[in-house]
């Protein structure tokens, strides 16, 4: 099953207990994120726009590739592919 990997700060913001395994049935990035947001809705606005697309300040990777290069949220995930969410880095 795909594992959703998110930054520690986002885990804290959504009150996800330490050690919680975020595994979801295989499908598309959209279905995995949809299942996650049903349980942890507080993170939806950090990750998706109001239109339900990946926010420009978030990177989403599946199998090491940006999902924007694999069909966006409709990218299929195999049973052994992790889905990684990363906020954009800023600074200077």
N, C-alpha and C. Protein backbone atom coordinates (compact mmCIF):
# COMPACT_ATOMS: atom_id res chain seq x y z
N UNK A 1 0.83 -1.19 0.00
CA UNK A 1 0.00 0.00 0.00
C UNK A 1 0.87 1.24 0.00
N UNK A 2 0.48 2.26 -0.77
CA UNK A 2 1.25 3.51 -0.75
C UNK A 2 1.27 4.13 0.65
N UNK A 3 2.42 4.67 1.00
CA UNK A 3 2.57 5.38 2.26
C UNK A 3 2.64 6.87 1.94
N UNK A 4 1.90 7.66 2.69
CA UNK A 4 1.94 9.11 2.54
C UNK A 4 2.96 9.64 3.53
N UNK A 5 3.94 10.37 3.02
CA UNK A 5 5.00 10.93 3.86
C UNK A 5 4.84 12.44 3.85
N UNK A 6 4.69 13.01 5.06
CA UNK A 6 4.50 14.45 5.18
C UNK A 6 5.45 15.02 6.22
N UNK A 7 5.77 16.31 6.13
CA UNK A 7 6.71 16.92 7.07
C UNK A 7 6.17 16.89 8.51
N UNK A 8 7.09 16.83 9.45
CA UNK A 8 6.72 16.80 10.86
C UNK A 8 5.86 17.98 11.29
N UNK A 9 6.14 19.16 10.77
CA UNK A 9 5.35 20.34 11.15
C UNK A 9 3.90 20.18 10.71
N UNK A 10 3.67 19.57 9.56
CA UNK A 10 2.29 19.34 9.10
C UNK A 10 1.62 18.26 9.93
N UNK A 11 2.40 17.26 10.35
CA UNK A 11 1.83 16.24 11.24
C UNK A 11 1.36 16.89 12.54
N UNK A 12 2.17 17.79 13.07
CA UNK A 12 1.79 18.47 14.31
C UNK A 12 0.56 19.35 14.09
N UNK A 13 0.51 20.07 12.98
CA UNK A 13 -0.63 20.96 12.70
C UNK A 13 -1.94 20.18 12.58
N UNK A 14 -1.87 18.96 12.11
CA UNK A 14 -3.07 18.14 11.94
C UNK A 14 -3.31 17.22 13.13
N UNK A 15 -2.46 17.32 14.15
CA UNK A 15 -2.56 16.48 15.35
C UNK A 15 -2.50 14.99 15.00
N UNK A 16 -1.59 14.65 14.10
CA UNK A 16 -1.37 13.25 13.75
C UNK A 16 -0.40 12.68 14.77
N UNK A 17 -0.81 11.69 15.54
CA UNK A 17 0.07 11.15 16.57
C UNK A 17 1.38 10.61 16.00
N UNK A 18 2.45 10.80 16.74
CA UNK A 18 3.75 10.27 16.35
C UNK A 18 3.64 8.77 16.13
N UNK A 19 4.24 8.30 15.07
CA UNK A 19 4.23 6.88 14.78
C UNK A 19 3.02 6.41 13.99
N UNK A 20 2.09 7.31 13.70
CA UNK A 20 0.91 6.93 12.92
C UNK A 20 1.34 6.56 11.51
N UNK A 21 0.94 5.39 11.08
CA UNK A 21 1.27 4.88 9.76
C UNK A 21 0.23 5.39 8.77
N UNK A 22 0.65 6.18 7.81
CA UNK A 22 -0.27 6.76 6.84
C UNK A 22 -0.25 5.94 5.56
N UNK A 23 -0.85 4.75 5.61
CA UNK A 23 -0.93 3.85 4.46
C UNK A 23 -2.34 3.88 3.89
N UNK A 24 -2.42 3.88 2.57
CA UNK A 24 -3.71 3.95 1.90
C UNK A 24 -3.73 2.95 0.75
N UNK A 25 -4.93 2.49 0.36
CA UNK A 25 -5.02 1.56 -0.77
C UNK A 25 -4.46 2.20 -2.05
N UNK A 26 -3.86 1.39 -2.93
CA UNK A 26 -3.36 1.92 -4.18
C UNK A 26 -4.48 2.56 -5.00
N UNK A 27 -4.11 3.50 -5.80
CA UNK A 27 -5.06 4.21 -6.66
C UNK A 27 -4.31 5.34 -7.32
N UNK A 28 -4.93 6.49 -7.37
CA UNK A 28 -4.26 7.67 -7.90
C UNK A 28 -3.81 8.55 -6.74
N UNK A 29 -2.98 9.53 -7.05
CA UNK A 29 -2.58 10.49 -6.02
C UNK A 29 -3.83 11.17 -5.45
N UNK A 30 -4.80 11.44 -6.31
CA UNK A 30 -6.05 12.09 -5.87
C UNK A 30 -6.81 11.22 -4.86
N UNK A 31 -6.91 9.91 -5.13
CA UNK A 31 -7.67 9.06 -4.20
C UNK A 31 -6.94 8.88 -2.88
N UNK A 32 -5.61 8.79 -2.93
CA UNK A 32 -4.83 8.67 -1.69
C UNK A 32 -4.98 9.94 -0.86
N UNK A 33 -4.82 11.09 -1.49
CA UNK A 33 -4.97 12.35 -0.75
C UNK A 33 -6.40 12.53 -0.26
N UNK A 34 -7.38 12.14 -1.06
CA UNK A 34 -8.77 12.23 -0.64
C UNK A 34 -9.04 11.42 0.61
N UNK A 35 -8.50 10.20 0.67
CA UNK A 35 -8.67 9.36 1.86
C UNK A 35 -7.98 10.00 3.06
N UNK A 36 -6.80 10.56 2.83
CA UNK A 36 -6.07 11.22 3.92
C UNK A 36 -6.85 12.43 4.45
N UNK A 37 -7.37 13.28 3.55
CA UNK A 37 -8.08 14.48 3.98
C UNK A 37 -9.41 14.17 4.65
N UNK A 38 -9.97 12.99 4.41
CA UNK A 38 -11.19 12.60 5.13
C UNK A 38 -10.87 12.41 6.61
N UNK A 39 -9.68 11.93 6.91
CA UNK A 39 -9.28 11.70 8.29
C UNK A 39 -8.64 12.95 8.90
N UNK A 40 -7.86 13.68 8.10
CA UNK A 40 -7.13 14.87 8.57
C UNK A 40 -7.45 16.07 7.68
N UNK A 41 -8.66 16.61 7.75
CA UNK A 41 -9.07 17.70 6.85
C UNK A 41 -8.32 19.01 7.04
N UNK A 42 -7.68 19.20 8.19
CA UNK A 42 -7.00 20.47 8.46
C UNK A 42 -5.87 20.75 7.47
N UNK A 43 -5.30 19.73 6.89
CA UNK A 43 -4.17 19.93 5.98
C UNK A 43 -4.59 20.18 4.53
N UNK A 44 -5.85 19.95 4.21
CA UNK A 44 -6.29 20.13 2.82
C UNK A 44 -5.93 21.51 2.27
N UNK A 45 -6.24 22.62 2.98
CA UNK A 45 -5.92 23.94 2.41
C UNK A 45 -4.42 24.22 2.30
N UNK A 46 -3.60 23.47 2.99
CA UNK A 46 -2.15 23.64 2.86
C UNK A 46 -1.61 22.95 1.62
N UNK A 47 -2.35 21.96 1.15
CA UNK A 47 -1.87 21.12 0.05
C UNK A 47 -2.60 21.40 -1.27
N UNK A 48 -3.90 21.63 -1.20
CA UNK A 48 -4.70 21.80 -2.41
C UNK A 48 -5.30 23.20 -2.50
N UNK A 49 -5.53 23.64 -3.72
CA UNK A 49 -6.22 24.91 -3.95
C UNK A 49 -7.72 24.69 -3.75
N UNK A 50 -8.48 25.78 -3.82
CA UNK A 50 -9.93 25.66 -3.71
C UNK A 50 -10.51 24.82 -4.84
N UNK A 51 -9.81 24.77 -5.97
CA UNK A 51 -10.25 23.96 -7.11
C UNK A 51 -9.87 22.49 -6.98
N UNK A 52 -9.18 22.14 -5.89
CA UNK A 52 -8.80 20.76 -5.66
C UNK A 52 -7.54 20.31 -6.37
N UNK A 53 -6.75 21.26 -6.84
CA UNK A 53 -5.47 20.93 -7.48
C UNK A 53 -4.33 21.19 -6.51
N UNK A 54 -3.16 20.63 -6.80
CA UNK A 54 -1.99 20.82 -5.93
C UNK A 54 -1.63 22.30 -5.91
N UNK A 55 -1.49 22.84 -4.71
CA UNK A 55 -1.14 24.25 -4.55
C UNK A 55 0.27 24.49 -5.11
N UNK A 56 0.50 25.69 -5.66
CA UNK A 56 1.81 25.96 -6.25
C UNK A 56 2.96 25.95 -5.25
N UNK A 57 2.65 26.07 -3.98
CA UNK A 57 3.69 26.10 -2.95
C UNK A 57 3.98 24.71 -2.38
N UNK A 58 3.42 23.67 -3.00
CA UNK A 58 3.61 22.30 -2.52
C UNK A 58 4.19 21.46 -3.65
N UNK A 59 5.13 20.61 -3.30
CA UNK A 59 5.65 19.62 -4.24
C UNK A 59 5.12 18.26 -3.81
N UNK A 60 4.66 17.48 -4.76
CA UNK A 60 4.16 16.13 -4.49
C UNK A 60 4.95 15.17 -5.37
N UNK A 61 5.57 14.20 -4.73
CA UNK A 61 6.39 13.23 -5.45
C UNK A 61 5.83 11.82 -5.26
N UNK A 62 5.88 11.04 -6.31
CA UNK A 62 5.51 9.63 -6.27
C UNK A 62 6.62 8.86 -6.96
N UNK A 63 7.18 7.91 -6.26
CA UNK A 63 8.28 7.15 -6.84
C UNK A 63 9.47 8.02 -7.22
N UNK A 64 9.66 9.12 -6.50
CA UNK A 64 10.77 10.02 -6.75
C UNK A 64 10.54 11.03 -7.86
N UNK A 65 9.38 10.98 -8.51
CA UNK A 65 9.08 11.91 -9.61
C UNK A 65 7.96 12.87 -9.21
N UNK A 66 8.07 14.10 -9.66
CA UNK A 66 7.04 15.10 -9.42
C UNK A 66 5.76 14.64 -10.12
N UNK A 67 4.64 14.59 -9.40
CA UNK A 67 3.41 14.09 -10.02
C UNK A 67 2.93 15.01 -11.14
N UNK A 68 3.37 16.26 -11.13
CA UNK A 68 2.99 17.16 -12.23
C UNK A 68 3.52 16.64 -13.56
N UNK A 69 4.61 15.86 -13.51
CA UNK A 69 5.19 15.27 -14.72
C UNK A 69 4.60 13.89 -15.03
N UNK A 70 3.69 13.42 -14.18
CA UNK A 70 3.09 12.09 -14.36
C UNK A 70 1.57 12.15 -14.50
N UNK A 71 1.04 13.31 -14.82
CA UNK A 71 -0.41 13.43 -14.98
C UNK A 71 -1.10 14.11 -13.82
N UNK A 72 -0.32 14.73 -12.94
CA UNK A 72 -0.91 15.44 -11.80
C UNK A 72 -1.55 14.49 -10.80
N UNK A 73 -2.64 14.93 -10.21
CA UNK A 73 -3.30 14.14 -9.18
C UNK A 73 -3.89 12.84 -9.73
N UNK A 74 -4.01 12.74 -11.03
CA UNK A 74 -4.53 11.51 -11.63
C UNK A 74 -3.44 10.48 -11.89
N UNK A 75 -2.22 10.76 -11.44
CA UNK A 75 -1.12 9.81 -11.57
C UNK A 75 -1.42 8.56 -10.76
N UNK A 76 -1.28 7.40 -11.39
CA UNK A 76 -1.50 6.13 -10.70
C UNK A 76 -0.33 5.83 -9.78
N UNK A 77 -0.65 5.25 -8.63
CA UNK A 77 0.37 4.84 -7.67
C UNK A 77 0.35 3.33 -7.56
N UNK A 78 1.52 2.72 -7.64
CA UNK A 78 1.59 1.28 -7.43
C UNK A 78 1.56 1.00 -5.93
N UNK A 79 1.39 -0.25 -5.59
CA UNK A 79 1.27 -0.63 -4.19
C UNK A 79 2.52 -0.30 -3.38
N UNK A 80 3.68 -0.20 -4.03
CA UNK A 80 4.91 0.04 -3.29
C UNK A 80 5.47 1.45 -3.48
N UNK A 81 4.68 2.36 -4.07
CA UNK A 81 5.14 3.74 -4.26
C UNK A 81 4.69 4.62 -3.10
N UNK A 82 5.62 5.38 -2.55
CA UNK A 82 5.28 6.35 -1.53
C UNK A 82 4.86 7.66 -2.19
N UNK A 83 3.98 8.38 -1.52
CA UNK A 83 3.57 9.71 -1.96
C UNK A 83 4.14 10.69 -0.95
N UNK A 84 4.98 11.60 -1.40
CA UNK A 84 5.68 12.53 -0.52
C UNK A 84 5.18 13.95 -0.76
N UNK A 85 4.77 14.63 0.31
CA UNK A 85 4.33 16.03 0.25
C UNK A 85 5.41 16.90 0.87
N UNK A 86 5.81 17.94 0.15
CA UNK A 86 6.82 18.86 0.66
C UNK A 86 6.38 20.29 0.42
N UNK A 87 6.42 21.13 1.45
CA UNK A 87 6.12 22.55 1.22
C UNK A 87 7.29 23.19 0.50
N UNK A 88 6.99 24.24 -0.24
CA UNK A 88 8.06 24.97 -0.93
C UNK A 88 9.01 25.57 0.10
N UNK A 89 10.26 25.59 -0.25
CA UNK A 89 11.27 26.19 0.63
C UNK A 89 11.43 27.66 0.24
N UNK A 90 11.59 28.49 1.23
CA UNK A 90 11.78 29.92 0.98
C UNK A 90 12.98 30.40 1.77
N UNK A 91 13.46 31.51 1.41
CA UNK A 91 14.59 32.06 2.15
C UNK A 91 15.49 32.83 1.22
N UNK A 92 16.57 33.24 1.75
CA UNK A 92 17.45 33.99 0.88
C UNK A 92 18.66 34.32 1.56
